[in-house]
Amino acid sequence: SMVLGQAGMLGVAISNPTMQGVDQS
């Protein structure tokens, strides 16, 4: 379950911390 919380880190990495408008699928 700790890994599932890493989506925010990915958002920071692509300069979009909130991942607004991003398709994660």
PDBML (XML) file of the C-alpha atoms, coordinates in Angstrom:
<?xml version="1.0" encoding="UTF-8" ?>
<PDBx:datablock datablockName="MODEL"
   xmlns:PDBx="http://pdbml.pdb.org/schema/pdbx-v50.xsd"
   xmlns:xsi="http://www.w3.org/2001/XMLSchema-instance"
   xsi:schemaLocation="http://pdbml.pdb.org/schema/pdbx-v50.xsd pdbx-v50.xsd">
   <PDBx:atom_siteCategory>
      <PDBx:atom_site id="1">
         <PDBx:B_iso_or_equiv>0.00</PDBx:B_iso_or_equiv>
         <PDBx:Cartn_x>0.000</PDBx:Cartn_x>
         <PDBx:Cartn_y>0.000</PDBx:Cartn_y>
         <PDBx:Cartn_z>0.000</PDBx:Cartn_z>
         <PDBx:auth_asym_id>A</PDBx:auth_asym_id>
         <PDBx:auth_atom_id>CA</PDBx:auth_atom_id>
         <PDBx:auth_comp_id>SER</PDBx:auth_comp_id>
         <PDBx:auth_seq_id>1</PDBx:auth_seq_id>
         <PDBx:group_PDB>ATOM</PDBx:group_PDB>
         <PDBx:label_alt_id xsi:nil="true" />
         <PDBx:label_asym_id>A</PDBx:label_asym_id>
         <PDBx:label_atom_id>CA</PDBx:label_atom_id>
         <PDBx:label_comp_id>SER</PDBx:label_comp_id>
         <PDBx:label_entity_id>1</PDBx:label_entity_id>
         <PDBx:label_seq_id>1</PDBx:label_seq_id>
         <PDBx:occupancy>1.00</PDBx:occupancy>
         <PDBx:pdbx_PDB_model_num>1</PDBx:pdbx_PDB_model_num>
         <PDBx:type_symbol>C</PDBx:type_symbol>
      </PDBx:atom_site>
      <PDBx:atom_site id="2">
         <PDBx:B_iso_or_equiv>0.00</PDBx:B_iso_or_equiv>
         <PDBx:Cartn_x>2.973</PDBx:Cartn_x>
         <PDBx:Cartn_y>2.324</PDBx:Cartn_y>
         <PDBx:Cartn_z>0.505</PDBx:Cartn_z>
         <PDBx:auth_asym_id>A</PDBx:auth_asym_id>
         <PDBx:auth_atom_id>CA</PDBx:auth_atom_id>
         <PDBx:auth_comp_id>MET</PDBx:auth_comp_id>
         <PDBx:auth_seq_id>2</PDBx:auth_seq_id>
         <PDBx:group_PDB>ATOM</PDBx:group_PDB>
         <PDBx:label_alt_id xsi:nil="true" />
         <PDBx:label_asym_id>A</PDBx:label_asym_id>
         <PDBx:label_atom_id>CA</PDBx:label_atom_id>
         <PDBx:label_comp_id>MET</PDBx:label_comp_id>
         <PDBx:label_entity_id>1</PDBx:label_entity_id>
         <PDBx:label_seq_id>2</PDBx:label_seq_id>
         <PDBx:occupancy>1.00</PDBx:occupancy>
         <PDBx:pdbx_PDB_model_num>1</PDBx:pdbx_PDB_model_num>
         <PDBx:type_symbol>C</PDBx:type_symbol>
      </PDBx:atom_site>
      <PDBx:atom_site id="3">
         <PDBx:B_iso_or_equiv>0.00</PDBx:B_iso_or_equiv>
         <PDBx:Cartn_x>3.667</PDBx:Cartn_x>
         <PDBx:Cartn_y>2.235</PDBx:Cartn_y>
         <PDBx:Cartn_z>-3.235</PDBx:Cartn_z>
         <PDBx:auth_asym_id>A</PDBx:auth_asym_id>
         <PDBx:auth_atom_id>CA</PDBx:auth_atom_id>
         <PDBx:auth_comp_id>VAL</PDBx:auth_comp_id>
         <PDBx:auth_seq_id>3</PDBx:auth_seq_id>
         <PDBx:group_PDB>ATOM</PDBx:group_PDB>
         <PDBx:label_alt_id xsi:nil="true" />
         <PDBx:label_asym_id>A</PDBx:label_asym_id>
         <PDBx:label_atom_id>CA</PDBx:label_atom_id>
         <PDBx:label_comp_id>VAL</PDBx:label_comp_id>
         <PDBx:label_entity_id>1</PDBx:label_entity_id>
         <PDBx:label_seq_id>3</PDBx:label_seq_id>
         <PDBx:occupancy>1.00</PDBx:occupancy>
         <PDBx:pdbx_PDB_model_num>1</PDBx:pdbx_PDB_model_num>
         <PDBx:type_symbol>C</PDBx:type_symbol>
      </PDBx:atom_site>
      <PDBx:atom_site id="4">
         <PDBx:B_iso_or_equiv>0.00</PDBx:B_iso_or_equiv>
         <PDBx:Cartn_x>0.184</PDBx:Cartn_x>
         <PDBx:Cartn_y>3.418</PDBx:Cartn_y>
         <PDBx:Cartn_z>-4.142</PDBx:Cartn_z>
         <PDBx:auth_asym_id>A</PDBx:auth_asym_id>
         <PDBx:auth_atom_id>CA</PDBx:auth_atom_id>
         <PDBx:auth_comp_id>LEU</PDBx:auth_comp_id>
         <PDBx:auth_seq_id>4</PDBx:auth_seq_id>
         <PDBx:group_PDB>ATOM</PDBx:group_PDB>
         <PDBx:label_alt_id xsi:nil="true" />
         <PDBx:label_asym_id>A</PDBx:label_asym_id>
         <PDBx:label_atom_id>CA</PDBx:label_atom_id>
         <PDBx:label_comp_id>LEU</PDBx:label_comp_id>
         <PDBx:label_entity_id>1</PDBx:label_entity_id>
         <PDBx:label_seq_id>4</PDBx:label_seq_id>
         <PDBx:occupancy>1.00</PDBx:occupancy>
         <PDBx:pdbx_PDB_model_num>1</PDBx:pdbx_PDB_model_num>
         <PDBx:type_symbol>C</PDBx:type_symbol>
      </PDBx:atom_site>
      <PDBx:atom_site id="5">
         <PDBx:B_iso_or_equiv>0.00</PDBx:B_iso_or_equiv>
         <PDBx:Cartn_x>0.967</PDBx:Cartn_x>
         <PDBx:Cartn_y>6.697</PDBx:Cartn_y>
         <PDBx:Cartn_z>-2.462</PDBx:Cartn_z>
         <PDBx:auth_asym_id>A</PDBx:auth_asym_id>
         <PDBx:auth_atom_id>CA</PDBx:auth_atom_id>
         <PDBx:auth_comp_id>GLY</PDBx:auth_comp_id>
         <PDBx:auth_seq_id>5</PDBx:auth_seq_id>
         <PDBx:group_PDB>ATOM</PDBx:group_PDB>
         <PDBx:label_alt_id xsi:nil="true" />
         <PDBx:label_asym_id>A</PDBx:label_asym_id>
         <PDBx:label_atom_id>CA</PDBx:label_atom_id>
         <PDBx:label_comp_id>GLY</PDBx:label_comp_id>
         <PDBx:label_entity_id>1</PDBx:label_entity_id>
         <PDBx:label_seq_id>5</PDBx:label_seq_id>
         <PDBx:occupancy>1.00</PDBx:occupancy>
         <PDBx:pdbx_PDB_model_num>1</PDBx:pdbx_PDB_model_num>
         <PDBx:type_symbol>C</PDBx:type_symbol>
      </PDBx:atom_site>
      <PDBx:atom_site id="6">
         <PDBx:B_iso_or_equiv>0.00</PDBx:B_iso_or_equiv>
         <PDBx:Cartn_x>3.830</PDBx:Cartn_x>
         <PDBx:Cartn_y>7.405</PDBx:Cartn_y>
         <PDBx:Cartn_z>-4.868</PDBx:Cartn_z>
         <PDBx:auth_asym_id>A</PDBx:auth_asym_id>
         <PDBx:auth_atom_id>CA</PDBx:auth_atom_id>
         <PDBx:auth_comp_id>GLN</PDBx:auth_comp_id>
         <PDBx:auth_seq_id>6</PDBx:auth_seq_id>
         <PDBx:group_PDB>ATOM</PDBx:group_PDB>
         <PDBx:label_alt_id xsi:nil="true" />
         <PDBx:label_asym_id>A</PDBx:label_asym_id>
         <PDBx:label_atom_id>CA</PDBx:label_atom_id>
         <PDBx:label_comp_id>GLN</PDBx:label_comp_id>
         <PDBx:label_entity_id>1</PDBx:label_entity_id>
         <PDBx:label_seq_id>6</PDBx:label_seq_id>
         <PDBx:occupancy>1.00</PDBx:occupancy>
         <PDBx:pdbx_PDB_model_num>1</PDBx:pdbx_PDB_model_num>
         <PDBx:type_symbol>C</PDBx:type_symbol>
      </PDBx:atom_site>
      <PDBx:atom_site id="7">
         <PDBx:B_iso_or_equiv>0.00</PDBx:B_iso_or_equiv>
         <PDBx:Cartn_x>1.603</PDBx:Cartn_x>
         <PDBx:Cartn_y>8.967</PDBx:Cartn_y>
         <PDBx:Cartn_z>-7.554</PDBx:Cartn_z>
         <PDBx:auth_asym_id>A</PDBx:auth_asym_id>
         <PDBx:auth_atom_id>CA</PDBx:auth_atom_id>
         <PDBx:auth_comp_id>ALA</PDBx:auth_comp_id>
         <PDBx:auth_seq_id>7</PDBx:auth_seq_id>
         <PDBx:group_PDB>ATOM</PDBx:group_PDB>
         <PDBx:label_alt_id xsi:nil="true" />
         <PDBx:label_asym_id>A</PDBx:label_asym_id>
         <PDBx:label_atom_id>CA</PDBx:label_atom_id>
         <PDBx:label_comp_id>ALA</PDBx:label_comp_id>
         <PDBx:label_entity_id>1</PDBx:label_entity_id>
         <PDBx:label_seq_id>7</PDBx:label_seq_id>
         <PDBx:occupancy>1.00</PDBx:occupancy>
         <PDBx:pdbx_PDB_model_num>1</PDBx:pdbx_PDB_model_num>
         <PDBx:type_symbol>C</PDBx:type_symbol>
      </PDBx:atom_site>
      <PDBx:atom_site id="8">
         <PDBx:B_iso_or_equiv>0.00</PDBx:B_iso_or_equiv>
         <PDBx:Cartn_x>2.300</PDBx:Cartn_x>
         <PDBx:Cartn_y>12.390</PDBx:Cartn_y>
         <PDBx:Cartn_z>-6.064</PDBx:Cartn_z>
         <PDBx:auth_asym_id>A</PDBx:auth_asym_id>
         <PDBx:auth_atom_id>CA</PDBx:auth_atom_id>
         <PDBx:auth_comp_id>GLY</PDBx:auth_comp_id>
         <PDBx:auth_seq_id>8</PDBx:auth_seq_id>
         <PDBx:group_PDB>ATOM</PDBx:group_PDB>
         <PDBx:label_alt_id xsi:nil="true" />
         <PDBx:label_asym_id>A</PDBx:label_asym_id>
         <PDBx:label_atom_id>CA</PDBx:label_atom_id>
         <PDBx:label_comp_id>GLY</PDBx:label_comp_id>
         <PDBx:label_entity_id>1</PDBx:label_entity_id>
         <PDBx:label_seq_id>8</PDBx:label_seq_id>
         <PDBx:occupancy>1.00</PDBx:occupancy>
         <PDBx:pdbx_PDB_model_num>1</PDBx:pdbx_PDB_model_num>
         <PDBx:type_symbol>C</PDBx:type_symbol>
      </PDBx:atom_site>
      <PDBx:atom_site id="9">
         <PDBx:B_iso_or_equiv>0.00</PDBx:B_iso_or_equiv>
         <PDBx:Cartn_x>6.038</PDBx:Cartn_x>
         <PDBx:Cartn_y>11.866</PDBx:Cartn_y>
         <PDBx:Cartn_z>-6.493</PDBx:Cartn_z>
         <PDBx:auth_asym_id>A</PDBx:auth_asym_id>
         <PDBx:auth_atom_id>CA</PDBx:auth_atom_id>
         <PDBx:auth_comp_id>MET</PDBx:auth_comp_id>
         <PDBx:auth_seq_id>9</PDBx:auth_seq_id>
         <PDBx:group_PDB>ATOM</PDBx:group_PDB>
         <PDBx:label_alt_id xsi:nil="true" />
         <PDBx:label_asym_id>A</PDBx:label_asym_id>
         <PDBx:label_atom_id>CA</PDBx:label_atom_id>
         <PDBx:label_comp_id>MET</PDBx:label_comp_id>
         <PDBx:label_entity_id>1</PDBx:label_entity_id>
         <PDBx:label_seq_id>9</PDBx:label_seq_id>
         <PDBx:occupancy>1.00</PDBx:occupancy>
         <PDBx:pdbx_PDB_model_num>1</PDBx:pdbx_PDB_model_num>
         <PDBx:type_symbol>C</PDBx:type_symbol>
      </PDBx:atom_site>
      <PDBx:atom_site id="10">
         <PDBx:B_iso_or_equiv>0.00</PDBx:B_iso_or_equiv>
         <PDBx:Cartn_x>5.468</PDBx:Cartn_x>
         <PDBx:Cartn_y>11.100</PDBx:Cartn_y>
         <PDBx:Cartn_z>-10.157</PDBx:Cartn_z>
         <PDBx:auth_asym_id>A</PDBx:auth_asym_id>
         <PDBx:auth_atom_id>CA</PDBx:auth_atom_id>
         <PDBx:auth_comp_id>LEU</PDBx:auth_comp_id>
         <PDBx:auth_seq_id>10</PDBx:auth_seq_id>
         <PDBx:group_PDB>ATOM</PDBx:group_PDB>
         <PDBx:label_alt_id xsi:nil="true" />
         <PDBx:label_asym_id>A</PDBx:label_asym_id>
         <PDBx:label_atom_id>CA</PDBx:label_atom_id>
         <PDBx:label_comp_id>LEU</PDBx:label_comp_id>
         <PDBx:label_entity_id>1</PDBx:label_entity_id>
         <PDBx:label_seq_id>10</PDBx:label_seq_id>
         <PDBx:occupancy>1.00</PDBx:occupancy>
         <PDBx:pdbx_PDB_model_num>1</PDBx:pdbx_PDB_model_num>
         <PDBx:type_symbol>C</PDBx:type_symbol>
      </PDBx:atom_site>
      <PDBx:atom_site id="11">
         <PDBx:B_iso_or_equiv>0.00</PDBx:B_iso_or_equiv>
         <PDBx:Cartn_x>3.509</PDBx:Cartn_x>
         <PDBx:Cartn_y>14.338</PDBx:Cartn_y>
         <PDBx:Cartn_z>-10.471</PDBx:Cartn_z>
         <PDBx:auth_asym_id>A</PDBx:auth_asym_id>
         <PDBx:auth_atom_id>CA</PDBx:auth_atom_id>
         <PDBx:auth_comp_id>GLY</PDBx:auth_comp_id>
         <PDBx:auth_seq_id>11</PDBx:auth_seq_id>
         <PDBx:group_PDB>ATOM</PDBx:group_PDB>
         <PDBx:label_alt_id xsi:nil="true" />
         <PDBx:label_asym_id>A</PDBx:label_asym_id>
         <PDBx:label_atom_id>CA</PDBx:label_atom_id>
         <PDBx:label_comp_id>GLY</PDBx:label_comp_id>
         <PDBx:label_entity_id>1</PDBx:label_entity_id>
         <PDBx:label_seq_id>11</PDBx:label_seq_id>
         <PDBx:occupancy>1.00</PDBx:occupancy>
         <PDBx:pdbx_PDB_model_num>1</PDBx:pdbx_PDB_model_num>
         <PDBx:type_symbol>C</PDBx:type_symbol>
      </PDBx:atom_site>
      <PDBx:atom_site id="12">
         <PDBx:B_iso_or_equiv>0.00</PDBx:B_iso_or_equiv>
         <PDBx:Cartn_x>6.417</PDBx:Cartn_x>
         <PDBx:Cartn_y>16.309</PDBx:Cartn_y>
         <PDBx:Cartn_z>-9.016</PDBx:Cartn_z>
         <PDBx:auth_asym_id>A</PDBx:auth_asym_id>
         <PDBx:auth_atom_id>CA</PDBx:auth_atom_id>
         <PDBx:auth_comp_id>VAL</PDBx:auth_comp_id>
         <PDBx:auth_seq_id>12</PDBx:auth_seq_id>
         <PDBx:group_PDB>ATOM</PDBx:group_PDB>
         <PDBx:label_alt_id xsi:nil="true" />
         <PDBx:label_asym_id>A</PDBx:label_asym_id>
         <PDBx:label_atom_id>CA</PDBx:label_atom_id>
         <PDBx:label_comp_id>VAL</PDBx:label_comp_id>
         <PDBx:label_entity_id>1</PDBx:label_entity_id>
         <PDBx:label_seq_id>12</PDBx:label_seq_id>
         <PDBx:occupancy>1.00</PDBx:occupancy>
         <PDBx:pdbx_PDB_model_num>1</PDBx:pdbx_PDB_model_num>
         <PDBx:type_symbol>C</PDBx:type_symbol>
      </PDBx:atom_site>
      <PDBx:atom_site id="13">
         <PDBx:B_iso_or_equiv>0.00</PDBx:B_iso_or_equiv>
         <PDBx:Cartn_x>8.786</PDBx:Cartn_x>
         <PDBx:Cartn_y>14.591</PDBx:Cartn_y>
         <PDBx:Cartn_z>-11.452</PDBx:Cartn_z>
         <PDBx:auth_asym_id>A</PDBx:auth_asym_id>
         <PDBx:auth_atom_id>CA</PDBx:auth_atom_id>
         <PDBx:auth_comp_id>ALA</PDBx:auth_comp_id>
         <PDBx:auth_seq_id>13</PDBx:auth_seq_id>
         <PDBx:group_PDB>ATOM</PDBx:group_PDB>
         <PDBx:label_alt_id xsi:nil="true" />
         <PDBx:label_asym_id>A</PDBx:label_asym_id>
         <PDBx:label_atom_id>CA</PDBx:label_atom_id>
         <PDBx:label_comp_id>ALA</PDBx:label_comp_id>
         <PDBx:label_entity_id>1</PDBx:label_entity_id>
         <PDBx:label_seq_id>13</PDBx:label_seq_id>
         <PDBx:occupancy>1.00</PDBx:occupancy>
         <PDBx:pdbx_PDB_model_num>1</PDBx:pdbx_PDB_model_num>
         <PDBx:type_symbol>C</PDBx:type_symbol>
      </PDBx:atom_site>
      <PDBx:atom_site id="14">
         <PDBx:B_iso_or_equiv>0.00</PDBx:B_iso_or_equiv>
         <PDBx:Cartn_x>6.754</PDBx:Cartn_x>
         <PDBx:Cartn_y>15.781</PDBx:Cartn_y>
         <PDBx:Cartn_z>-14.468</PDBx:Cartn_z>
         <PDBx:auth_asym_id>A</PDBx:auth_asym_id>
         <PDBx:auth_atom_id>CA</PDBx:auth_atom_id>
         <PDBx:auth_comp_id>ILE</PDBx:auth_comp_id>
         <PDBx:auth_seq_id>14</PDBx:auth_seq_id>
         <PDBx:group_PDB>ATOM</PDBx:group_PDB>
         <PDBx:label_alt_id xsi:nil="true" />
         <PDBx:label_asym_id>A</PDBx:label_asym_id>
         <PDBx:label_atom_id>CA</PDBx:label_atom_id>
         <PDBx:label_comp_id>ILE</PDBx:label_comp_id>
         <PDBx:label_entity_id>1</PDBx:label_entity_id>
         <PDBx:label_seq_id>14</PDBx:label_seq_id>
         <PDBx:occupancy>1.00</PDBx:occupancy>
         <PDBx:pdbx_PDB_model_num>1</PDBx:pdbx_PDB_model_num>
         <PDBx:type_symbol>C</PDBx:type_symbol>
      </PDBx:atom_site>
      <PDBx:atom_site id="15">
         <PDBx:B_iso_or_equiv>0.00</PDBx:B_iso_or_equiv>
         <PDBx:Cartn_x>6.293</PDBx:Cartn_x>
         <PDBx:Cartn_y>19.284</PDBx:Cartn_y>
         <PDBx:Cartn_z>-12.952</PDBx:Cartn_z>
         <PDBx:auth_asym_id>A</PDBx:auth_asym_id>
         <PDBx:auth_atom_id>CA</PDBx:auth_atom_id>
         <PDBx:auth_comp_id>SER</PDBx:auth_comp_id>
         <PDBx:auth_seq_id>15</PDBx:auth_seq_id>
         <PDBx:group_PDB>ATOM</PDBx:group_PDB>
         <PDBx:label_alt_id xsi:nil="true" />
         <PDBx:label_asym_id>A</PDBx:label_asym_id>
         <PDBx:label_atom_id>CA</PDBx:label_atom_id>
         <PDBx:label_comp_id>SER</PDBx:label_comp_id>
         <PDBx:label_entity_id>1</PDBx:label_entity_id>
         <PDBx:label_seq_id>15</PDBx:label_seq_id>
         <PDBx:occupancy>1.00</PDBx:occupancy>
         <PDBx:pdbx_PDB_model_num>1</PDBx:pdbx_PDB_model_num>
         <PDBx:type_symbol>C</PDBx:type_symbol>
      </PDBx:atom_site>
      <PDBx:atom_site id="16">
         <PDBx:B_iso_or_equiv>0.00</PDBx:B_iso_or_equiv>
         <PDBx:Cartn_x>2.580</PDBx:Cartn_x>
         <PDBx:Cartn_y>18.724</PDBx:Cartn_y>
         <PDBx:Cartn_z>-12.397</PDBx:Cartn_z>
         <PDBx:auth_asym_id>A</PDBx:auth_asym_id>
         <PDBx:auth_atom_id>CA</PDBx:auth_atom_id>
         <PDBx:auth_comp_id>ASN</PDBx:auth_comp_id>
         <PDBx:auth_seq_id>16</PDBx:auth_seq_id>
         <PDBx:group_PDB>ATOM</PDBx:group_PDB>
         <PDBx:label_alt_id xsi:nil="true" />
         <PDBx:label_asym_id>A</PDBx:label_asym_id>
         <PDBx:label_atom_id>CA</PDBx:label_atom_id>
         <PDBx:label_comp_id>ASN</PDBx:label_comp_id>
         <PDBx:label_entity_id>1</PDBx:label_entity_id>
         <PDBx:label_seq_id>16</PDBx:label_seq_id>
         <PDBx:occupancy>1.00</PDBx:occupancy>
         <PDBx:pdbx_PDB_model_num>1</PDBx:pdbx_PDB_model_num>
         <PDBx:type_symbol>C</PDBx:type_symbol>
      </PDBx:atom_site>
      <PDBx:atom_site id="17">
         <PDBx:B_iso_or_equiv>0.00</PDBx:B_iso_or_equiv>
         <PDBx:Cartn_x>2.280</PDBx:Cartn_x>
         <PDBx:Cartn_y>17.858</PDBx:Cartn_y>
         <PDBx:Cartn_z>-8.676</PDBx:Cartn_z>
         <PDBx:auth_asym_id>A</PDBx:auth_asym_id>
         <PDBx:auth_atom_id>CA</PDBx:auth_atom_id>
         <PDBx:auth_comp_id>PRO</PDBx:auth_comp_id>
         <PDBx:auth_seq_id>17</PDBx:auth_seq_id>
         <PDBx:group_PDB>ATOM</PDBx:group_PDB>
         <PDBx:label_alt_id xsi:nil="true" />
         <PDBx:label_asym_id>A</PDBx:label_asym_id>
         <PDBx:label_atom_id>CA</PDBx:label_atom_id>
         <PDBx:label_comp_id>PRO</PDBx:label_comp_id>
         <PDBx:label_entity_id>1</PDBx:label_entity_id>
         <PDBx:label_seq_id>17</PDBx:label_seq_id>
         <PDBx:occupancy>1.00</PDBx:occupancy>
         <PDBx:pdbx_PDB_model_num>1</PDBx:pdbx_PDB_model_num>
         <PDBx:type_symbol>C</PDBx:type_symbol>
      </PDBx:atom_site>
      <PDBx:atom_site id="18">
         <PDBx:B_iso_or_equiv>0.00</PDBx:B_iso_or_equiv>
         <PDBx:Cartn_x>-1.510</PDBx:Cartn_x>
         <PDBx:Cartn_y>17.654</PDBx:Cartn_y>
         <PDBx:Cartn_z>-8.719</PDBx:Cartn_z>
         <PDBx:auth_asym_id>A</PDBx:auth_asym_id>
         <PDBx:auth_atom_id>CA</PDBx:auth_atom_id>
         <PDBx:auth_comp_id>THR</PDBx:auth_comp_id>
         <PDBx:auth_seq_id>18</PDBx:auth_seq_id>
         <PDBx:group_PDB>ATOM</PDBx:group_PDB>
         <PDBx:label_alt_id xsi:nil="true" />
         <PDBx:label_asym_id>A</PDBx:label_asym_id>
         <PDBx:label_atom_id>CA</PDBx:label_atom_id>
         <PDBx:label_comp_id>THR</PDBx:label_comp_id>
         <PDBx:label_entity_id>1</PDBx:label_entity_id>
         <PDBx:label_seq_id>18</PDBx:label_seq_id>
         <PDBx:occupancy>1.00</PDBx:occupancy>
         <PDBx:pdbx_PDB_model_num>1</PDBx:pdbx_PDB_model_num>
         <PDBx:type_symbol>C</PDBx:type_symbol>
      </PDBx:atom_site>
      <PDBx:atom_site id="19">
         <PDBx:B_iso_or_equiv>0.00</PDBx:B_iso_or_equiv>
         <PDBx:Cartn_x>-1.453</PDBx:Cartn_x>
         <PDBx:Cartn_y>15.726</PDBx:Cartn_y>
         <PDBx:Cartn_z>-12.025</PDBx:Cartn_z>
         <PDBx:auth_asym_id>A</PDBx:auth_asym_id>
         <PDBx:auth_atom_id>CA</PDBx:auth_atom_id>
         <PDBx:auth_comp_id>MET</PDBx:auth_comp_id>
         <PDBx:auth_seq_id>19</PDBx:auth_seq_id>
         <PDBx:group_PDB>ATOM</PDBx:group_PDB>
         <PDBx:label_alt_id xsi:nil="true" />
         <PDBx:label_asym_id>A</PDBx:label_asym_id>
         <PDBx:label_atom_id>CA</PDBx:label_atom_id>
         <PDBx:label_comp_id>MET</PDBx:label_comp_id>
         <PDBx:label_entity_id>1</PDBx:label_entity_id>
         <PDBx:label_seq_id>19</PDBx:label_seq_id>
         <PDBx:occupancy>1.00</PDBx:occupancy>
         <PDBx:pdbx_PDB_model_num>1</PDBx:pdbx_PDB_model_num>
         <PDBx:type_symbol>C</PDBx:type_symbol>
      </PDBx:atom_site>
      <PDBx:atom_site id="20">
         <PDBx:B_iso_or_equiv>0.00</PDBx:B_iso_or_equiv>
         <PDBx:Cartn_x>-4.222</PDBx:Cartn_x>
         <PDBx:Cartn_y>17.977</PDBx:Cartn_y>
         <PDBx:Cartn_z>-13.240</PDBx:Cartn_z>
         <PDBx:auth_asym_id>A</PDBx:auth_asym_id>
         <PDBx:auth_atom_id>CA</PDBx:auth_atom_id>
         <PDBx:auth_comp_id>GLN</PDBx:auth_comp_id>
         <PDBx:auth_seq_id>20</PDBx:auth_seq_id>
         <PDBx:group_PDB>ATOM</PDBx:group_PDB>
         <PDBx:label_alt_id xsi:nil="true" />
         <PDBx:label_asym_id>A</PDBx:label_asym_id>
         <PDBx:label_atom_id>CA</PDBx:label_atom_id>
         <PDBx:label_comp_id>GLN</PDBx:label_comp_id>
         <PDBx:label_entity_id>1</PDBx:label_entity_id>
         <PDBx:label_seq_id>20</PDBx:label_seq_id>
         <PDBx:occupancy>1.00</PDBx:occupancy>
         <PDBx:pdbx_PDB_model_num>1</PDBx:pdbx_PDB_model_num>
         <PDBx:type_symbol>C</PDBx:type_symbol>
      </PDBx:atom_site>
      <PDBx:atom_site id="21">
         <PDBx:B_iso_or_equiv>0.00</PDBx:B_iso_or_equiv>
         <PDBx:Cartn_x>-5.421</PDBx:Cartn_x>
         <PDBx:Cartn_y>16.905</PDBx:Cartn_y>
         <PDBx:Cartn_z>-16.680</PDBx:Cartn_z>
         <PDBx:auth_asym_id>A</PDBx:auth_asym_id>
         <PDBx:auth_atom_id>CA</PDBx:auth_atom_id>
         <PDBx:auth_comp_id>GLY</PDBx:auth_comp_id>
         <PDBx:auth_seq_id>21</PDBx:auth_seq_id>
         <PDBx:group_PDB>ATOM</PDBx:group_PDB>
         <PDBx:label_alt_id xsi:nil="true" />
         <PDBx:label_asym_id>A</PDBx:label_asym_id>
         <PDBx:label_atom_id>CA</PDBx:label_atom_id>
         <PDBx:label_comp_id>GLY</PDBx:label_comp_id>
         <PDBx:label_entity_id>1</PDBx:label_entity_id>
         <PDBx:label_seq_id>21</PDBx:label_seq_id>
         <PDBx:occupancy>1.00</PDBx:occupancy>
         <PDBx:pdbx_PDB_model_num>1</PDBx:pdbx_PDB_model_num>
         <PDBx:type_symbol>C</PDBx:type_symbol>
      </PDBx:atom_site>
      <PDBx:atom_site id="22">
         <PDBx:B_iso_or_equiv>0.00</PDBx:B_iso_or_equiv>
         <PDBx:Cartn_x>-3.037</PDBx:Cartn_x>
         <PDBx:Cartn_y>13.910</PDBx:Cartn_y>
         <PDBx:Cartn_z>-16.750</PDBx:Cartn_z>
         <PDBx:auth_asym_id>A</PDBx:auth_asym_id>
         <PDBx:auth_atom_id>CA</PDBx:auth_atom_id>
         <PDBx:auth_comp_id>VAL</PDBx:auth_comp_id>
         <PDBx:auth_seq_id>22</PDBx:auth_seq_id>
         <PDBx:group_PDB>ATOM</PDBx:group_PDB>
         <PDBx:label_alt_id xsi:nil="true" />
         <PDBx:label_asym_id>A</PDBx:label_asym_id>
         <PDBx:label_atom_id>CA</PDBx:label_atom_id>
         <PDBx:label_comp_id>VAL</PDBx:label_comp_id>
         <PDBx:label_entity_id>1</PDBx:label_entity_id>
         <PDBx:label_seq_id>22</PDBx:label_seq_id>
         <PDBx:occupancy>1.00</PDBx:occupancy>
         <PDBx:pdbx_PDB_model_num>1</PDBx:pdbx_PDB_model_num>
         <PDBx:type_symbol>C</PDBx:type_symbol>
      </PDBx:atom_site>
      <PDBx:atom_site id="23">
         <PDBx:B_iso_or_equiv>0.00</PDBx:B_iso_or_equiv>
         <PDBx:Cartn_x>-4.193</PDBx:Cartn_x>
         <PDBx:Cartn_y>10.525</PDBx:Cartn_y>
         <PDBx:Cartn_z>-18.060</PDBx:Cartn_z>
         <PDBx:auth_asym_id>A</PDBx:auth_asym_id>
         <PDBx:auth_atom_id>CA</PDBx:auth_atom_id>
         <PDBx:auth_comp_id>ASP</PDBx:auth_comp_id>
         <PDBx:auth_seq_id>23</PDBx:auth_seq_id>
         <PDBx:group_PDB>ATOM</PDBx:group_PDB>
         <PDBx:label_alt_id xsi:nil="true" />
         <PDBx:label_asym_id>A</PDBx:label_asym_id>
         <PDBx:label_atom_id>CA</PDBx:label_atom_id>
         <PDBx:label_comp_id>ASP</PDBx:label_comp_id>
         <PDBx:label_entity_id>1</PDBx:label_entity_id>
         <PDBx:label_seq_id>23</PDBx:label_seq_id>
         <PDBx:occupancy>1.00</PDBx:occupancy>
         <PDBx:pdbx_PDB_model_num>1</PDBx:pdbx_PDB_model_num>
         <PDBx:type_symbol>C</PDBx:type_symbol>
      </PDBx:atom_site>
      <PDBx:atom_site id="24">
         <PDBx:B_iso_or_equiv>0.00</PDBx:B_iso_or_equiv>
         <PDBx:Cartn_x>-2.648</PDBx:Cartn_x>
         <PDBx:Cartn_y>7.897</PDBx:Cartn_y>
         <PDBx:Cartn_z>-15.801</PDBx:Cartn_z>
         <PDBx:auth_asym_id>A</PDBx:auth_asym_id>
         <PDBx:auth_atom_id>CA</PDBx:auth_atom_id>
         <PDBx:auth_comp_id>GLN</PDBx:auth_comp_id>
         <PDBx:auth_seq_id>24</PDBx:auth_seq_id>
         <PDBx:group_PDB>ATOM</PDBx:group_PDB>
         <PDBx:label_alt_id xsi:nil="true" />
         <PDBx:label_asym_id>A</PDBx:label_asym_id>
         <PDBx:label_atom_id>CA</PDBx:label_atom_id>
         <PDBx:label_comp_id>GLN</PDBx:label_comp_id>
         <PDBx:label_entity_id>1</PDBx:label_entity_id>
         <PDBx:label_seq_id>24</PDBx:label_seq_id>
         <PDBx:occupancy>1.00</PDBx:occupancy>
         <PDBx:pdbx_PDB_model_num>1</PDBx:pdbx_PDB_model_num>
         <PDBx:type_symbol>C</PDBx:type_symbol>
      </PDBx:atom_site>
      <PDBx:atom_site id="25">
         <PDBx:B_iso_or_equiv>0.00</PDBx:B_iso_or_equiv>
         <PDBx:Cartn_x>-4.150</PDBx:Cartn_x>
         <PDBx:Cartn_y>4.988</PDBx:Cartn_y>
         <PDBx:Cartn_z>-17.734</PDBx:Cartn_z>
         <PDBx:auth_asym_id>A</PDBx:auth_asym_id>
         <PDBx:auth_atom_id>CA</PDBx:auth_atom_id>
         <PDBx:auth_comp_id>SER</PDBx:auth_comp_id>
         <PDBx:auth_seq_id>25</PDBx:auth_seq_id>
         <PDBx:group_PDB>ATOM</PDBx:group_PDB>
         <PDBx:label_alt_id xsi:nil="true" />
         <PDBx:label_asym_id>A</PDBx:label_asym_id>
         <PDBx:label_atom_id>CA</PDBx:label_atom_id>
         <PDBx:label_comp_id>SER</PDBx:label_comp_id>
         <PDBx:label_entity_id>1</PDBx:label_entity_id>
         <PDBx:label_seq_id>25</PDBx:label_seq_id>
         <PDBx:occupancy>1.00</PDBx:occupancy>
         <PDBx:pdbx_PDB_model_num>1</PDBx:pdbx_PDB_model_num>
         <PDBx:type_symbol>C</PDBx:type_symbol>
      </PDBx:atom_site>
   </PDBx:atom_siteCategory>
</PDBx:datablock>
